[in-house]
Amino acid sequence: MHSLVPASFAAFALGVAMTALPAVAETAGAANTAGGTGWILVSVGGAAARPGGRIVFSADGTVFGTTGCNHFNGTAVSAPGTVVFKPPLATTMMLCPEPMDAQETRVLEALDGTVAVAYDPAHDQMTLIPGNGASELGFVRFTE
């Protein structure tokens, strides 16, 4: 369900997103080298995600994770409010049963190219909003 947001709030939210991603990526990456911090996939296109999806951004630009079935890794470059996933992401090629196969397809489509990032510090949640029209991905932080 979408709601209309006043322009002033949208501008504020965009400003937060533009400053949040580098800090989010740096925090996740720095903590990852000392024990593992990243993000658990909780939603795909606004619907609850199947269990097992994760993503970690490292300070050196490496990104890795799992769709819930197959693992992926590659390179991502962050700029204010965006992450650019450098194609192609390398993935393992296990056969995924439905509905995990559909989730995997949607996740990998979303991680192709440039995505906007919205970060909610009150709930420590991140949303990746693909510029290619793919499904939005929602995440919450995890620490191992």
Foldseek 3Di string as FASTA:
>chain_A
DDDDDDPVVVVVQLQCLQPVVVVVLDVQQVLCVVFGKWWFWQDWQRHGADGAWIWTRHPVQKIWTDLNPKIWIAGWDDGRQKIFTPPDIDIDDDDDDPPSVVSVVLVNVLNHTMWGWGADVVQQKIWTHRPVPGIIIIIHMDTD
